[in-house]
């Protein structure tokens, strides 16, 4: 299964800390799934995700994250999603317009909205 992964608010808290569960969670994702960054840190095809996270994450985890593939999108993150495949998209704050695209493709249930405060 494809996993599309946001960074801020999903694997990095608002105060720029790694959530307690994150090492095990990311290990599972990168071991068992086909993972893609879907974040402003890879907007427009530039993949700065691991470099950005290197300020907050230890090297042992960064090695695992190096295998996550970049995406290319311009306006909406949904531009980078492969709607012909099974996927999960983890994001803390998708736009309504992005949710509408998911609904159009009957994939709204593939979106998991993450709330690290709960």
Protein backbone atom coordinates (compact mmCIF):
# COMPACT_ATOMS: atom_id res chain seq x y z
CA UNK A 1 0.00 0.00 0.00
CA UNK A 2 1.14 3.53 -0.70
CA UNK A 3 1.48 5.90 2.24
CA UNK A 4 1.52 9.65 1.65
CA UNK A 5 3.06 11.39 4.62
CA UNK A 6 2.91 15.00 5.72
CA UNK A 7 5.54 16.28 8.15
CA UNK A 8 4.46 19.27 10.25
CA UNK A 9 1.70 18.22 12.62
CA UNK A 10 2.05 14.54 11.66
CA UNK A 11 5.59 13.39 12.45
CA UNK A 12 6.73 16.67 13.97
CA UNK A 13 4.79 18.46 16.69
CA UNK A 14 3.86 22.14 16.51
CA UNK A 15 6.77 22.90 18.87
CA UNK A 16 9.15 21.01 16.54
CA UNK A 17 9.54 17.85 18.58
CA UNK A 18 9.46 14.24 17.46
CA UNK A 19 6.31 12.55 18.83
CA UNK A 20 6.97 9.74 21.31
CA UNK A 21 5.57 7.04 19.00
CA UNK A 22 7.39 8.20 15.91
CA UNK A 23 10.41 5.91 15.73
CA UNK A 24 8.33 2.71 15.82
CA UNK A 25 5.67 4.20 13.57
CA UNK A 26 8.14 5.29 10.89
CA UNK A 27 10.00 1.98 11.09
CA UNK A 28 6.77 0.13 10.38
CA UNK A 29 5.76 2.46 7.54
CA UNK A 30 9.09 2.35 5.75
CA UNK A 31 9.51 -1.41 6.22
CA UNK A 32 6.01 -2.51 5.18
CA UNK A 33 4.76 0.13 2.73
CA UNK A 34 5.62 2.22 -0.32
CA UNK A 35 6.06 5.66 1.28
CA UNK A 36 5.95 9.13 -0.26
CA UNK A 37 6.45 12.59 1.21
CA UNK A 38 3.37 14.76 0.73
CA UNK A 39 4.46 17.93 2.44
CA UNK A 40 5.34 21.53 1.73
CA UNK A 41 8.94 20.39 2.23
CA UNK A 42 8.74 18.58 -1.12
CA UNK A 43 6.52 21.11 -2.87
CA UNK A 44 7.21 21.57 -6.56
CA UNK A 45 9.47 18.54 -6.78
CA UNK A 46 12.18 19.69 -4.38
CA UNK A 47 12.73 17.07 -1.69
CA UNK A 48 14.01 18.78 1.42
CA UNK A 49 12.12 16.56 3.86
CA UNK A 50 15.03 14.64 5.36
CA UNK A 51 17.22 17.74 5.45
CA UNK A 52 14.44 19.61 7.28
CA UNK A 53 13.90 16.76 9.75
CA UNK A 54 17.65 16.46 10.42
CA UNK A 55 17.29 19.45 12.76
CA UNK A 56 14.92 17.44 14.99
CA UNK A 57 15.48 13.71 14.40
CA UNK A 58 18.43 11.46 15.30
CA UNK A 59 20.54 10.00 12.51
CA UNK A 60 19.27 6.44 13.07
CA UNK A 61 15.75 7.51 12.09
CA UNK A 62 16.90 9.78 9.28
CA UNK A 63 18.47 6.76 7.56
CA UNK A 64 15.04 5.10 7.39
CA UNK A 65 13.45 8.27 6.08
CA UNK A 66 15.94 8.51 3.22
CA UNK A 67 13.99 5.80 1.40
CA UNK A 68 10.75 7.76 1.36
CA UNK A 69 10.12 8.96 -2.16
CA UNK A 70 9.51 12.56 -3.14
CA UNK A 71 6.36 13.83 -4.78
CA UNK A 72 5.77 16.72 -7.12
CA UNK A 73 2.75 18.97 -6.75
CA UNK A 74 2.10 22.65 -7.35
CA UNK A 75 -1.26 23.78 -5.96
CA UNK A 76 -2.92 20.86 -4.16
CA UNK A 77 -1.21 17.90 -2.54
CA UNK A 78 -3.74 15.64 -4.24
CA UNK A 79 -1.95 16.35 -7.56
CA UNK A 80 0.74 13.90 -6.40
CA UNK A 81 -1.57 11.05 -5.35
CA UNK A 82 -1.92 7.94 -7.48
CA UNK A 83 -5.69 7.43 -7.38
CA UNK A 84 -5.44 4.09 -9.18
CA UNK A 85 -3.71 2.51 -6.19
CA UNK A 86 -4.68 1.76 -2.61
CA UNK A 87 -3.27 4.43 -0.35
CA UNK A 88 -3.43 6.18 2.98
CA UNK A 89 -2.73 9.88 3.26
CA UNK A 90 -1.69 11.13 6.71
CA UNK A 91 -2.12 14.89 7.12
CA UNK A 92 -3.04 17.23 9.96
CA UNK A 93 -4.83 19.90 7.96
CA UNK A 94 -5.83 19.08 4.39
CA UNK A 95 -7.60 21.81 2.45
CA UNK A 96 -11.30 21.45 1.72
CA UNK A 97 -10.41 21.53 -1.98
CA UNK A 98 -8.12 18.52 -1.43
CA UNK A 99 -10.89 16.68 0.41
CA UNK A 100 -13.20 17.43 -2.52
CA UNK A 101 -10.71 15.82 -4.91
CA UNK A 102 -10.61 12.73 -2.68
CA UNK A 103 -14.42 12.63 -2.70
CA UNK A 104 -14.47 12.93 -6.49
CA UNK A 105 -12.29 9.80 -6.73
CA UNK A 106 -14.24 8.06 -3.94
CA UNK A 107 -11.07 8.01 -1.79
CA UNK A 108 -12.05 10.23 1.14
CA UNK A 109 -11.71 7.22 3.47
CA UNK A 110 -8.03 7.02 2.50
CA UNK A 111 -7.38 10.28 4.36
CA UNK A 112 -6.39 10.04 8.01
CA UNK A 113 -6.39 13.38 9.76
CA UNK A 114 -3.72 13.37 12.46
CA UNK A 115 -4.10 15.31 15.68
CA UNK A 116 -0.98 15.02 17.83
CA UNK A 117 -2.67 16.92 20.67
CA UNK A 118 -5.07 14.05 21.37
